[in-house]
N, C-alpha and C. Protein backbone atom coordinates (compact mmCIF):
# COMPACT_ATOMS: atom_id res chain seq x y z
N MET A 1 9.98 -1.62 -15.82
CA MET A 1 8.59 -1.56 -15.47
C MET A 1 8.08 -2.98 -15.29
N GLY A 2 7.27 -3.15 -14.28
CA GLY A 2 6.65 -4.44 -14.03
C GLY A 2 5.15 -4.29 -13.90
N LEU A 3 4.42 -5.26 -14.40
CA LEU A 3 2.97 -5.30 -14.23
C LEU A 3 2.65 -6.46 -13.30
N HIS A 4 2.03 -6.15 -12.19
CA HIS A 4 1.66 -7.15 -11.19
C HIS A 4 0.17 -7.42 -11.33
N VAL A 5 -0.15 -8.48 -12.06
CA VAL A 5 -1.56 -8.75 -12.35
C VAL A 5 -2.29 -9.39 -11.18
N ASN A 6 -1.60 -9.69 -10.10
CA ASN A 6 -2.24 -10.24 -8.91
C ASN A 6 -2.80 -9.14 -8.01
N LYS A 7 -2.65 -7.88 -8.40
CA LYS A 7 -3.07 -6.76 -7.55
C LYS A 7 -4.40 -6.15 -7.98
N GLY A 8 -4.76 -6.23 -9.24
CA GLY A 8 -6.00 -5.64 -9.72
C GLY A 8 -7.16 -6.60 -9.58
N LEU A 9 -8.36 -6.07 -9.53
CA LEU A 9 -9.54 -6.90 -9.34
C LEU A 9 -10.49 -6.89 -10.54
N ALA A 10 -10.06 -6.36 -11.67
CA ALA A 10 -10.92 -6.37 -12.85
C ALA A 10 -11.30 -7.81 -13.17
N GLY A 11 -12.57 -8.06 -13.37
CA GLY A 11 -13.05 -9.39 -13.66
C GLY A 11 -13.36 -10.23 -12.44
N ALA A 12 -13.12 -9.69 -11.26
CA ALA A 12 -13.45 -10.43 -10.03
C ALA A 12 -14.96 -10.45 -9.84
N SER A 13 -15.39 -11.21 -8.88
CA SER A 13 -16.83 -11.31 -8.62
C SER A 13 -17.38 -9.97 -8.15
N PRO A 14 -18.65 -9.72 -8.39
CA PRO A 14 -19.25 -8.47 -7.90
C PRO A 14 -19.08 -8.28 -6.39
N GLU A 15 -19.14 -9.36 -5.64
CA GLU A 15 -18.97 -9.26 -4.18
C GLU A 15 -17.54 -8.83 -3.83
N ALA A 16 -16.55 -9.39 -4.49
CA ALA A 16 -15.16 -8.99 -4.23
C ALA A 16 -14.95 -7.52 -4.58
N ASN A 17 -15.52 -7.09 -5.68
CA ASN A 17 -15.38 -5.68 -6.07
C ASN A 17 -16.10 -4.76 -5.09
N ARG A 18 -17.26 -5.17 -4.61
CA ARG A 18 -17.98 -4.35 -3.63
C ARG A 18 -17.15 -4.21 -2.36
N GLN A 19 -16.59 -5.30 -1.88
CA GLN A 19 -15.77 -5.26 -0.68
C GLN A 19 -14.53 -4.39 -0.88
N ALA A 20 -13.92 -4.49 -2.05
CA ALA A 20 -12.72 -3.68 -2.33
C ALA A 20 -13.05 -2.20 -2.31
N ARG A 21 -14.20 -1.82 -2.78
CA ARG A 21 -14.59 -0.42 -2.80
C ARG A 21 -14.88 0.12 -1.39
N GLU A 22 -15.09 -0.76 -0.43
CA GLU A 22 -15.38 -0.34 0.94
C GLU A 22 -14.14 -0.27 1.82
N CYS A 23 -13.02 -0.75 1.36
CA CYS A 23 -11.81 -0.72 2.18
C CYS A 23 -11.09 0.60 2.00
N ALA A 24 -10.00 0.78 2.70
CA ALA A 24 -9.31 2.07 2.72
C ALA A 24 -8.62 2.42 1.41
N THR A 25 -8.23 1.45 0.65
CA THR A 25 -7.46 1.72 -0.57
C THR A 25 -8.31 2.42 -1.63
N ASN A 26 -7.65 2.93 -2.63
CA ASN A 26 -8.35 3.61 -3.72
C ASN A 26 -9.36 2.65 -4.35
N PRO A 27 -10.63 3.03 -4.44
CA PRO A 27 -11.64 2.12 -4.97
C PRO A 27 -11.39 1.71 -6.42
N LYS A 28 -10.51 2.41 -7.11
CA LYS A 28 -10.22 2.05 -8.51
C LYS A 28 -9.53 0.71 -8.63
N VAL A 29 -9.04 0.17 -7.52
CA VAL A 29 -8.42 -1.15 -7.55
C VAL A 29 -9.42 -2.20 -8.04
N ALA A 30 -10.70 -1.96 -7.79
CA ALA A 30 -11.73 -2.91 -8.22
C ALA A 30 -11.88 -2.95 -9.73
N ASP A 31 -11.45 -1.91 -10.42
CA ASP A 31 -11.54 -1.85 -11.87
C ASP A 31 -10.20 -2.10 -12.56
N SER A 32 -9.13 -2.18 -11.80
CA SER A 32 -7.78 -2.30 -12.36
C SER A 32 -7.45 -3.76 -12.66
N PHE A 33 -6.71 -3.97 -13.75
CA PHE A 33 -6.27 -5.33 -14.06
C PHE A 33 -4.87 -5.61 -13.53
N ALA A 34 -4.11 -4.55 -13.20
CA ALA A 34 -2.74 -4.75 -12.76
C ALA A 34 -2.23 -3.53 -12.00
N LEU A 35 -1.17 -3.75 -11.27
CA LEU A 35 -0.41 -2.68 -10.63
C LEU A 35 0.87 -2.52 -11.43
N ALA A 36 1.10 -1.33 -11.95
CA ALA A 36 2.33 -1.06 -12.71
C ALA A 36 3.34 -0.43 -11.79
N ILE A 37 4.55 -0.97 -11.78
CA ILE A 37 5.63 -0.41 -10.97
C ILE A 37 6.79 -0.05 -11.89
N VAL A 38 7.19 1.21 -11.82
CA VAL A 38 8.34 1.69 -12.57
C VAL A 38 9.38 2.09 -11.53
N ALA A 39 10.55 1.46 -11.59
CA ALA A 39 11.55 1.73 -10.57
C ALA A 39 12.94 1.40 -11.08
N THR A 40 13.91 1.78 -10.30
CA THR A 40 15.29 1.40 -10.54
C THR A 40 15.80 0.78 -9.24
N GLY A 41 16.94 0.19 -9.26
CA GLY A 41 17.43 -0.49 -8.07
C GLY A 41 18.77 0.01 -7.62
N GLY A 42 19.24 -0.57 -6.54
CA GLY A 42 20.54 -0.21 -6.00
C GLY A 42 20.42 0.21 -4.57
N PRO A 43 21.54 0.24 -3.88
CA PRO A 43 21.52 0.60 -2.47
C PRO A 43 21.24 2.09 -2.27
N PRO A 44 20.54 2.45 -1.22
CA PRO A 44 20.29 3.86 -0.94
C PRO A 44 21.56 4.53 -0.41
N PRO A 45 21.79 5.78 -0.77
CA PRO A 45 23.03 6.48 -0.35
C PRO A 45 22.85 7.22 0.98
N PHE A 46 22.78 6.48 2.08
CA PHE A 46 22.64 7.12 3.38
C PHE A 46 24.01 7.38 3.99
N PRO A 47 24.26 8.60 4.47
CA PRO A 47 25.56 8.91 5.10
C PRO A 47 25.81 8.00 6.30
N GLY A 48 27.03 7.54 6.42
CA GLY A 48 27.42 6.72 7.56
C GLY A 48 27.16 5.24 7.38
N VAL A 49 26.43 4.87 6.36
CA VAL A 49 26.17 3.46 6.10
C VAL A 49 27.22 2.99 5.09
N PRO A 50 27.92 1.91 5.39
CA PRO A 50 29.00 1.47 4.50
C PRO A 50 28.46 0.88 3.20
N LEU A 51 28.27 1.74 2.22
CA LEU A 51 27.79 1.34 0.91
C LEU A 51 28.73 1.91 -0.14
N PRO A 52 28.66 1.40 -1.33
CA PRO A 52 29.49 1.99 -2.39
C PRO A 52 29.18 3.47 -2.56
N HIS A 53 30.18 4.24 -2.94
CA HIS A 53 29.99 5.67 -3.17
C HIS A 53 28.92 5.88 -4.23
N PRO A 54 27.89 6.68 -3.94
CA PRO A 54 26.81 6.86 -4.92
C PRO A 54 27.27 7.67 -6.13
N ASP A 55 26.80 7.27 -7.28
CA ASP A 55 27.05 8.01 -8.50
C ASP A 55 25.86 8.93 -8.72
N ILE A 56 25.97 10.17 -8.25
CA ILE A 56 24.86 11.13 -8.29
C ILE A 56 24.38 11.37 -9.71
N VAL A 57 25.29 11.46 -10.66
CA VAL A 57 24.90 11.68 -12.06
C VAL A 57 24.05 10.51 -12.55
N GLN A 58 24.50 9.29 -12.26
CA GLN A 58 23.74 8.11 -12.67
C GLN A 58 22.39 8.06 -11.96
N MET A 59 22.38 8.39 -10.68
CA MET A 59 21.12 8.37 -9.92
C MET A 59 20.12 9.37 -10.49
N ARG A 60 20.59 10.55 -10.86
CA ARG A 60 19.70 11.55 -11.46
C ARG A 60 19.19 11.08 -12.81
N HIS A 61 20.04 10.43 -13.58
CA HIS A 61 19.63 9.88 -14.87
C HIS A 61 18.54 8.82 -14.68
N GLU A 62 18.75 7.92 -13.72
CA GLU A 62 17.77 6.87 -13.45
C GLU A 62 16.46 7.47 -12.93
N ALA A 63 16.54 8.48 -12.07
CA ALA A 63 15.33 9.14 -11.57
C ALA A 63 14.55 9.78 -12.71
N ALA A 64 15.26 10.40 -13.64
CA ALA A 64 14.59 11.00 -14.81
C ALA A 64 13.95 9.93 -15.67
N SER A 65 14.62 8.80 -15.85
CA SER A 65 14.05 7.70 -16.64
C SER A 65 12.78 7.16 -16.00
N VAL A 66 12.81 6.99 -14.69
CA VAL A 66 11.61 6.52 -13.98
C VAL A 66 10.49 7.55 -14.14
N GLY A 67 10.83 8.83 -13.98
CA GLY A 67 9.83 9.88 -14.14
C GLY A 67 9.23 9.90 -15.53
N ASN A 68 10.05 9.70 -16.55
CA ASN A 68 9.55 9.68 -17.93
C ASN A 68 8.62 8.49 -18.16
N ALA A 69 9.00 7.32 -17.67
CA ALA A 69 8.15 6.14 -17.83
C ALA A 69 6.84 6.30 -17.06
N ALA A 70 6.93 6.86 -15.87
CA ALA A 70 5.71 7.10 -15.08
C ALA A 70 4.80 8.11 -15.78
N ALA A 71 5.38 9.09 -16.45
CA ALA A 71 4.59 10.08 -17.18
C ALA A 71 3.82 9.43 -18.33
N VAL A 72 4.44 8.46 -18.98
CA VAL A 72 3.74 7.73 -20.06
C VAL A 72 2.54 6.99 -19.47
N LEU A 73 2.75 6.29 -18.36
CA LEU A 73 1.63 5.59 -17.72
C LEU A 73 0.54 6.57 -17.30
N GLU A 74 0.94 7.71 -16.75
CA GLU A 74 -0.02 8.73 -16.33
C GLU A 74 -0.83 9.23 -17.52
N SER A 75 -0.19 9.36 -18.68
CA SER A 75 -0.92 9.83 -19.86
C SER A 75 -1.91 8.78 -20.34
N LEU A 76 -1.60 7.51 -20.14
CA LEU A 76 -2.50 6.43 -20.56
C LEU A 76 -3.65 6.23 -19.57
N ALA A 77 -3.38 6.48 -18.31
CA ALA A 77 -4.40 6.31 -17.26
C ALA A 77 -4.30 7.48 -16.29
N PRO A 78 -4.77 8.66 -16.70
CA PRO A 78 -4.55 9.87 -15.89
C PRO A 78 -5.19 9.84 -14.51
N GLN A 79 -6.20 9.07 -14.31
CA GLN A 79 -6.85 8.96 -13.00
C GLN A 79 -6.66 7.56 -12.43
N GLY A 80 -5.54 6.93 -12.74
CA GLY A 80 -5.32 5.53 -12.40
C GLY A 80 -5.16 5.22 -10.93
N GLY A 81 -4.77 6.17 -10.15
CA GLY A 81 -4.57 5.90 -8.73
C GLY A 81 -3.19 5.34 -8.44
N SER A 82 -2.92 5.14 -7.17
CA SER A 82 -1.62 4.64 -6.76
C SER A 82 -1.76 3.95 -5.41
N TYR A 83 -0.71 3.29 -5.00
CA TYR A 83 -0.66 2.58 -3.73
C TYR A 83 0.40 3.26 -2.87
N ILE A 84 0.05 3.63 -1.66
CA ILE A 84 0.91 4.46 -0.82
C ILE A 84 2.32 3.90 -0.64
N SER A 85 2.45 2.59 -0.53
CA SER A 85 3.77 2.00 -0.28
C SER A 85 4.59 1.80 -1.55
N GLU A 86 4.00 2.04 -2.71
CA GLU A 86 4.69 1.82 -3.97
C GLU A 86 4.43 3.00 -4.90
N THR A 87 4.86 4.19 -4.47
CA THR A 87 4.56 5.39 -5.24
C THR A 87 5.70 6.40 -5.15
N ASP A 88 5.57 7.47 -5.86
CA ASP A 88 6.53 8.56 -5.82
C ASP A 88 6.41 9.29 -4.49
N PHE A 89 7.50 9.36 -3.75
CA PHE A 89 7.53 10.00 -2.43
C PHE A 89 7.08 11.45 -2.51
N PHE A 90 7.32 12.11 -3.62
CA PHE A 90 7.04 13.54 -3.77
C PHE A 90 5.70 13.82 -4.45
N ARG A 91 4.88 12.83 -4.60
CA ARG A 91 3.60 12.97 -5.26
C ARG A 91 2.77 14.07 -4.58
N THR A 92 2.17 14.95 -5.37
CA THR A 92 1.37 16.04 -4.79
C THR A 92 -0.12 15.72 -4.75
N ASP A 93 -0.58 14.79 -5.56
CA ASP A 93 -2.00 14.44 -5.60
C ASP A 93 -2.28 13.18 -4.79
N TRP A 94 -1.54 12.99 -3.71
CA TRP A 94 -1.58 11.75 -2.94
C TRP A 94 -2.95 11.40 -2.37
N ARG A 95 -3.73 12.38 -1.95
CA ARG A 95 -5.06 12.07 -1.38
C ARG A 95 -5.93 11.35 -2.42
N GLU A 96 -5.96 11.90 -3.61
CA GLU A 96 -6.77 11.32 -4.68
C GLU A 96 -6.14 10.01 -5.16
N ALA A 97 -4.82 10.01 -5.32
CA ALA A 97 -4.14 8.84 -5.86
C ALA A 97 -4.26 7.62 -4.94
N PHE A 98 -4.12 7.82 -3.63
CA PHE A 98 -4.12 6.68 -2.72
C PHE A 98 -5.53 6.25 -2.30
N TRP A 99 -6.43 7.24 -2.08
CA TRP A 99 -7.72 6.91 -1.49
C TRP A 99 -8.93 7.40 -2.28
N ASP A 100 -8.73 8.30 -3.22
CA ASP A 100 -9.80 8.84 -4.05
C ASP A 100 -10.99 9.23 -3.18
N GLY A 101 -12.16 8.74 -3.47
CA GLY A 101 -13.37 9.13 -2.75
C GLY A 101 -13.44 8.64 -1.31
N ASN A 102 -12.52 7.79 -0.90
CA ASN A 102 -12.51 7.29 0.48
C ASN A 102 -11.85 8.25 1.46
N TYR A 103 -11.13 9.27 0.96
CA TYR A 103 -10.32 10.09 1.86
C TYR A 103 -11.13 10.79 2.95
N ALA A 104 -12.24 11.40 2.60
CA ALA A 104 -13.03 12.14 3.60
C ALA A 104 -13.51 11.20 4.71
N ARG A 105 -13.95 10.02 4.34
CA ARG A 105 -14.41 9.04 5.34
C ARG A 105 -13.25 8.60 6.22
N LEU A 106 -12.10 8.33 5.62
CA LEU A 106 -10.93 7.91 6.39
C LEU A 106 -10.45 9.01 7.32
N LYS A 107 -10.50 10.25 6.85
CA LYS A 107 -10.09 11.40 7.67
C LYS A 107 -11.00 11.54 8.88
N ALA A 108 -12.30 11.35 8.67
CA ALA A 108 -13.25 11.43 9.80
C ALA A 108 -12.98 10.32 10.82
N ILE A 109 -12.69 9.12 10.34
CA ILE A 109 -12.38 8.01 11.24
C ILE A 109 -11.10 8.31 12.01
N LYS A 110 -10.08 8.78 11.32
CA LYS A 110 -8.81 9.09 11.98
C LYS A 110 -9.01 10.19 13.02
N SER A 111 -9.76 11.21 12.69
CA SER A 111 -10.01 12.31 13.63
C SER A 111 -10.74 11.82 14.88
N ARG A 112 -11.59 10.84 14.69
CA ARG A 112 -12.34 10.31 15.84
C ARG A 112 -11.45 9.48 16.77
N TYR A 113 -10.64 8.61 16.19
CA TYR A 113 -9.85 7.69 16.99
C TYR A 113 -8.43 8.15 17.29
N ASP A 114 -7.95 9.14 16.55
CA ASP A 114 -6.60 9.68 16.77
C ASP A 114 -6.66 11.21 16.66
N PRO A 115 -7.41 11.86 17.57
CA PRO A 115 -7.64 13.30 17.44
C PRO A 115 -6.38 14.16 17.54
N HIS A 116 -5.32 13.63 18.12
CA HIS A 116 -4.09 14.40 18.26
C HIS A 116 -3.05 14.05 17.20
N GLY A 117 -3.41 13.18 16.27
CA GLY A 117 -2.51 12.83 15.19
C GLY A 117 -1.27 12.09 15.63
N PHE A 118 -1.40 11.26 16.65
CA PHE A 118 -0.25 10.52 17.18
C PHE A 118 0.34 9.59 16.11
N PHE A 119 -0.53 8.94 15.34
CA PHE A 119 -0.08 8.01 14.30
C PHE A 119 0.11 8.79 13.00
N PHE A 120 1.34 8.89 12.58
CA PHE A 120 1.69 9.75 11.45
C PHE A 120 2.55 8.98 10.46
N VAL A 121 2.26 9.14 9.20
CA VAL A 121 3.10 8.60 8.14
C VAL A 121 3.09 9.60 6.99
N HIS A 122 4.19 9.72 6.30
CA HIS A 122 4.29 10.64 5.17
C HIS A 122 3.17 10.36 4.17
N HIS A 123 2.41 11.38 3.86
CA HIS A 123 1.27 11.31 2.95
C HIS A 123 0.22 10.31 3.40
N GLY A 124 0.12 10.10 4.70
CA GLY A 124 -0.95 9.28 5.25
C GLY A 124 -2.16 10.14 5.56
N VAL A 125 -3.25 9.51 5.87
CA VAL A 125 -4.48 10.23 6.21
C VAL A 125 -4.20 11.17 7.38
N GLY A 126 -4.48 12.44 7.19
CA GLY A 126 -4.27 13.44 8.22
C GLY A 126 -2.88 14.05 8.24
N SER A 127 -1.98 13.57 7.41
CA SER A 127 -0.60 14.07 7.45
C SER A 127 -0.48 15.52 6.99
N GLU A 128 -1.49 16.02 6.30
CA GLU A 128 -1.44 17.42 5.88
C GLU A 128 -1.50 18.37 7.08
N GLU A 129 -1.80 17.84 8.25
CA GLU A 129 -1.85 18.66 9.46
C GLU A 129 -0.48 18.76 10.13
N TRP A 130 0.55 18.18 9.54
CA TRP A 130 1.87 18.15 10.14
C TRP A 130 2.92 18.62 9.16
N SER A 131 4.03 19.12 9.69
CA SER A 131 5.16 19.51 8.84
C SER A 131 5.67 18.27 8.11
N ALA A 132 6.45 18.49 7.07
CA ALA A 132 6.94 17.38 6.26
C ALA A 132 7.75 16.37 7.09
N ASP A 133 8.45 16.84 8.13
CA ASP A 133 9.23 15.91 8.95
C ASP A 133 8.40 15.28 10.07
N GLY A 134 7.16 15.75 10.24
CA GLY A 134 6.29 15.17 11.24
C GLY A 134 6.51 15.67 12.66
N PHE A 135 7.34 16.69 12.85
CA PHE A 135 7.67 17.16 14.19
C PHE A 135 6.82 18.32 14.67
N GLU A 136 6.09 18.95 13.77
CA GLU A 136 5.36 20.14 14.14
C GLU A 136 3.96 20.14 13.52
N ARG A 137 2.98 20.38 14.33
CA ARG A 137 1.61 20.48 13.81
C ARG A 137 1.46 21.84 13.12
N VAL A 138 0.96 21.82 11.89
CA VAL A 138 0.86 23.05 11.12
C VAL A 138 -0.58 23.50 10.94
N GLY A 139 -1.53 22.72 11.43
CA GLY A 139 -2.93 23.14 11.35
C GLY A 139 -3.83 22.00 10.97
N ALA A 140 -5.08 22.19 11.21
CA ALA A 140 -6.10 21.18 10.87
C ALA A 140 -6.84 21.62 9.63
N THR A 141 -7.23 20.63 8.82
CA THR A 141 -8.02 20.93 7.62
C THR A 141 -9.39 20.32 7.73
């Protein structure tokens, strides 16, 4: 686990905090003192890429360890938020975690400037309108 104290804005000037609350990221960043990252390392096991043979048992053990550590952090800060590029890929509360109260505004902006959902990213604004692989539109919300 690492604490990145250069990411939180707790103690920053009122103007910096006001500006942070107006940007796309979760407004809780203005109250946070750090970004906590719980992770493990090693090469990804992609088929066809010349990497060492993955140890699936070890990988599952490490994934469980990361999940357990993240659960402790979640219990300490249950509404702490998250950053889209440094989070659990399978997170189900991603709208609240990444953008909190900003999501509705961001969705309206995206709908205005990208009405067909051309710009797509996993768990990005508007991604709930697409299949998990991004190849099929599943409906508008």
